C-alpha atoms as a PDB file:
ATOM      1  CA  MET A   1      38.640 -68.862  27.193  1.00  0.00           C
ATOM      2  CA  LEU A   2      37.462 -65.633  25.698  1.00  0.00           C
ATOM      3  CA  VAL A   3      34.566 -67.095  23.983  1.00  0.00           C
ATOM      4  CA  PRO A   4      32.512 -68.119  27.044  1.00  0.00           C
ATOM      5  CA  LEU A   5      33.429 -64.639  28.696  1.00  0.00           C
ATOM      6  CA  ALA A   6      32.054 -63.143  25.266  1.00  0.00           C
ATOM      7  CA  VAL A   7      28.876 -64.963  25.650  1.00  0.00           C
ATOM      8  CA  ALA A   8      28.451 -64.244  29.172  1.00  0.00           C
ATOM      9  CA  GLY A   9      29.010 -60.386  28.570  1.00  0.00           C
ATOM     10  CA  PHE A  10      26.858 -60.041  25.651  1.00  0.00           C
ATOM     11  CA  THR A  11      24.188 -61.997  27.254  1.00  0.00           C
ATOM     12  CA  ALA A  12      24.200 -59.739  30.002  1.00  0.00           C
ATOM     13  CA  LEU A  13      24.145 -56.814  27.409  1.00  0.00           C
ATOM     14  CA  TRP A  14      21.111 -58.131  25.701  1.00  0.00           C
ATOM     15  CA  LEU A  15      19.248 -58.704  28.868  1.00  0.00           C
ATOM     16  CA  LEU A  16      19.865 -55.075  29.776  1.00  0.00           C
ATOM     17  CA  ALA A  17      18.398 -53.888  26.582  1.00  0.00           C
ATOM     18  CA  ALA A  18      15.420 -56.306  26.795  1.00  0.00           C
ATOM     19  CA  PHE A  19      14.657 -55.299  30.447  1.00  0.00           C
ATOM     20  CA  TYR A  20      15.161 -51.493  29.656  1.00  0.00           C
ATOM     21  CA  SER A  21      12.986 -51.601  26.422  1.00  0.00           C
ATOM     22  CA  GLY A  22      10.354 -54.241  27.569  1.00  0.00           C
ATOM     23  CA  ARG A  23      10.883 -56.095  24.519  1.00  0.00           C
ATOM     24  CA  GLN A  24      12.636 -59.118  23.445  1.00  0.00           C
ATOM     25  CA  CYS A  25      15.419 -57.265  21.400  1.00  0.00           C
ATOM     26  CA  SER A  26      15.935 -60.181  19.034  1.00  0.00           C
ATOM     27  CA  TRP A  27      17.936 -58.175  16.860  1.00  0.00           C
ATOM     28  CA  MET A  28      20.656 -58.211  19.289  1.00  0.00           C
ATOM     29  CA  ALA A  29      21.252 -61.725  18.265  1.00  0.00           C
ATOM     30  CA  VAL A  30      22.890 -60.657  15.175  1.00  0.00           C
ATOM     31  CA  VAL A  31      25.083 -58.119  16.845  1.00  0.00           C
ATOM     32  CA  GLY A  32      26.017 -61.033  19.344  1.00  0.00           C
ATOM     33  CA  ALA A  33      27.012 -63.193  16.505  1.00  0.00           C
ATOM     34  CA  VAL A  34      29.311 -60.560  15.064  1.00  0.00           C
ATOM     35  CA  ASP A  35      30.788 -59.825  18.697  1.00  0.00           C
ATOM     36  CA  ILE A  36      31.454 -63.600  18.941  1.00  0.00           C
ATOM     37  CA  LEU A  37      33.088 -63.673  15.485  1.00  0.00           C
ATOM     38  CA  TRP A  38      35.069 -60.819  16.342  1.00  0.00           C
ATOM     39  CA  VAL A  39      36.317 -62.285  19.847  1.00  0.00           C
ATOM     40  CA  MET A  40      37.245 -65.659  17.913  1.00  0.00           C
ATOM     41  CA  GLY A  41      39.234 -63.655  15.259  1.00  0.00           C
ATOM     42  CA  MET A  42      41.551 -62.357  18.099  1.00  0.00           C
ATOM     43  CA  ALA A  43      42.434 -66.097  19.066  1.00  0.00           C
ATOM     44  CA  ARG A  44      44.955 -67.995  16.924  1.00  0.00           C
ATOM     45  CA  PRO A  45      43.684 -69.218  13.435  1.00  0.00           C
ATOM     46  CA  ALA A  46      41.877 -72.529  13.522  1.00  0.00           C
ATOM     47  CA  PRO A  47      40.282 -74.046  10.228  1.00  0.00           C
ATOM     48  CA  PRO A  48      37.000 -72.216   8.962  1.00  0.00           C
ATOM     49  CA  ALA A  49      34.881 -75.271   9.666  1.00  0.00           C
ATOM     50  CA  ARG A  50      35.883 -75.568  13.378  1.00  0.00           C
ATOM     51  CA  ARG A  51      35.284 -71.741  14.005  1.00  0.00           C
ATOM     52  CA  ALA A  52      31.962 -71.978  12.177  1.00  0.00           C
ATOM     53  CA  VAL A  53      30.923 -74.715  14.608  1.00  0.00           C
ATOM     54  CA  ALA A  54      32.076 -73.085  17.721  1.00  0.00           C
ATOM     55  CA  ALA A  55      30.625 -69.622  16.674  1.00  0.00           C
ATOM     56  CA  THR A  56      27.360 -71.285  16.120  1.00  0.00           C
ATOM     57  CA  THR A  57      27.458 -72.998  19.165  1.00  0.00           C
ATOM     58  CA  ALA A  58      28.260 -70.003  21.261  1.00  0.00           C
ATOM     59  CA  THR A  59      25.502 -68.130  19.570  1.00  0.00           C
ATOM     60  CA  LEU A  60      23.127 -70.531  20.271  1.00  0.00           C
ATOM     61  CA  LEU A  61      23.805 -70.872  23.962  1.00  0.00           C
ATOM     62  CA  MET A  62      23.696 -67.001  24.012  1.00  0.00           C
ATOM     63  CA  ILE A  63      20.205 -67.142  22.570  1.00  0.00           C
ATOM     64  CA  LEU A  64      19.286 -69.936  24.947  1.00  0.00           C
ATOM     65  CA  ALA A  65      20.492 -68.305  27.956  1.00  0.00           C
ATOM     66  CA  THR A  66      18.945 -64.867  27.385  1.00  0.00           C
ATOM     67  CA  HIS A  67      15.557 -66.331  26.500  1.00  0.00           C
ATOM     68  CA  TRP A  68      15.905 -68.777  29.708  1.00  0.00           C
ATOM     69  CA  ILE A  69      16.676 -65.739  31.898  1.00  0.00           C
ATOM     70  CA  LEU A  70      14.071 -63.395  30.408  1.00  0.00           C
ATOM     71  CA  ALA A  71      11.368 -65.841  30.580  1.00  0.00           C
ATOM     72  CA  ALA A  72      12.352 -66.799  34.591  1.00  0.00           C
ATOM     73  CA  THR A  73      12.784 -63.155  35.469  1.00  0.00           C
ATOM     74  CA  TYR A  74       9.495 -62.069  33.969  1.00  0.00           C
ATOM     75  CA  SER A  75       7.550 -65.077  35.381  1.00  0.00           C
ATOM     76  CA  GLY A  76       9.620 -65.176  38.761  1.00  0.00           C
ATOM     77  CA  THR A  77       8.956 -61.448  39.899  1.00  0.00           C
ATOM     78  CA  GLN A  78       5.245 -62.142  39.794  1.00  0.00           C
ATOM     79  CA  VAL A  79       5.802 -64.679  42.488  1.00  0.00           C
ATOM     80  CA  GLY A  80       8.517 -62.619  44.215  1.00  0.00           C
ATOM     81  CA  LEU A  81      11.466 -64.588  43.127  1.00  0.00           C
ATOM     82  CA  SER A  82      14.764 -62.898  42.349  1.00  0.00           C
ATOM     83  CA  PRO A  83      16.076 -63.695  38.939  1.00  0.00           C
ATOM     84  CA  TRP A  84      18.577 -66.094  40.086  1.00  0.00           C
ATOM     85  CA  ASP A  85      15.963 -68.378  42.006  1.00  0.00           C
ATOM     86  CA  ALA A  86      13.573 -68.092  39.180  1.00  0.00           C
ATOM     87  CA  SER A  87      16.237 -69.389  36.643  1.00  0.00           C
ATOM     88  CA  LEU A  88      16.732 -72.249  38.633  1.00  0.00           C
ATOM     89  CA  ARG A  89      13.233 -73.204  39.341  1.00  0.00           C
ATOM     90  CA  LEU A  90      11.998 -72.726  35.933  1.00  0.00           C
ATOM     91  CA  GLY A  91      10.961 -75.661  33.858  1.00  0.00           C
ATOM     92  CA  LEU A  92      11.765 -76.518  30.311  1.00  0.00           C
ATOM     93  CA  GLU A  93       8.131 -76.852  29.242  1.00  0.00           C
ATOM     94  CA  HIS A  94       7.253 -73.684  30.933  1.00  0.00           C
ATOM     95  CA  ALA A  95      10.132 -71.730  29.418  1.00  0.00           C
ATOM     96  CA  LEU A  96       9.400 -73.025  25.800  1.00  0.00           C
ATOM     97  CA  THR A  97       5.568 -71.868  26.600  1.00  0.00           C
ATOM     98  CA  LEU A  98       6.814 -68.336  27.649  1.00  0.00           C
ATOM     99  CA  ALA A  99       9.211 -68.039  24.655  1.00  0.00           C
ATOM    100  CA  ALA A 100       6.643 -68.990  21.996  1.00  0.00           C
ATOM    101  CA  LEU A 101       4.169 -66.376  23.712  1.00  0.00           C
ATOM    102  CA  ALA A 102       6.880 -63.654  23.731  1.00  0.00           C
ATOM    103  CA  ASN A 103       8.371 -64.325  20.243  1.00  0.00           C
ATOM    104  CA  ASP A 104       6.741 -63.836  16.808  1.00  0.00           C
ATOM    105  CA  TRP A 105       7.952 -64.707  13.342  1.00  0.00           C
ATOM    106  CA  ARG A 106       9.975 -61.611  13.227  1.00  0.00           C
ATOM    107  CA  ASP A 107      12.094 -62.673  16.365  1.00  0.00           C
ATOM    108  CA  ALA A 108      12.587 -65.957  14.714  1.00  0.00           C
ATOM    109  CA  VAL A 109      14.043 -64.270  11.673  1.00  0.00           C
ATOM    110  CA  TRP A 110      16.500 -62.437  13.745  1.00  0.00           C
ATOM    111  CA  LEU A 111      17.764 -65.335  15.710  1.00  0.00           C
ATOM    112  CA  LEU A 112      17.947 -67.376  12.286  1.00  0.00           C
ATOM    113  CA  LEU A 113      19.844 -64.664  10.709  1.00  0.00           C
ATOM    114  CA  ALA A 114      22.076 -64.566  13.617  1.00  0.00           C
ATOM    115  CA  LEU A 115      22.815 -68.368  13.463  1.00  0.00           C
ATOM    116  CA  ALA A 116      23.577 -67.916   9.695  1.00  0.00           C
ATOM    117  CA  VAL A 117      25.829 -65.157  10.628  1.00  0.00           C
ATOM    118  CA  ALA A 118      27.847 -67.312  12.990  1.00  0.00           C
ATOM    119  CA  ALA A 119      27.894 -70.266  10.716  1.00  0.00           C
ATOM    120  CA  GLY A 120      28.952 -68.275   7.638  1.00  0.00           C
ATOM    121  CA  GLY A 121      31.200 -65.780   9.286  1.00  0.00           C
ATOM    122  CA  PRO A 122      34.463 -67.888   9.395  1.00  0.00           C
ATOM    123  CA  PHE A 123      34.142 -69.050   5.719  1.00  0.00           C
ATOM    124  CA  LEU A 124      33.852 -65.328   4.585  1.00  0.00           C
ATOM    125  CA  SER A 125      36.647 -64.405   6.941  1.00  0.00           C
ATOM    126  CA  ALA A 126      38.723 -67.078   5.320  1.00  0.00           C
ATOM    127  CA  ARG A 127      38.055 -66.215   1.824  1.00  0.00           C
ATOM    128  CA  LEU A 128      39.011 -62.632   2.561  1.00  0.00           C
ATOM    129  CA  ARG A 129      42.203 -63.460   4.214  1.00  0.00           C
ATOM    130  CA  ALA A 130      43.017 -65.721   1.259  1.00  0.00           C
ATOM    131  CA  ALA A 131      42.166 -62.898  -1.198  1.00  0.00           C
ATOM    132  CA  SER A 132      44.482 -60.323   0.541  1.00  0.00           C
ATOM    133  CA  ALA A 133      47.369 -62.599   0.830  1.00  0.00           C
ATOM    134  CA  ARG A 134      47.727 -62.785  -2.782  1.00  0.00           C
END
């Protein structure tokens, strides 16, 4: 139950940083992936492969939710919609177009790095635990 709460909370934090700075703040995806791994570390231990899939899925959901709300808010405020109404009315093709216009190759690198951290973090954590148990 902690992981969805962490995804929602970090999405809100990422949105605040993006709205305050006026930029995408894609580097926040890496921090969010580390946060999700940290939250998952507080739960009961699971096999590294299962934790990697869960962390990668949670990170991907966080990235998608953040970009969806950013696109909806920036386009919705121009026509007088609240962020919630704009998020519900935004279409997939329009969201993809706005995300492609707002992000460049550096943002893609940050997002891919976040997914790599989420996918590889549980395996690194398992190796460190095994080494410290010896």
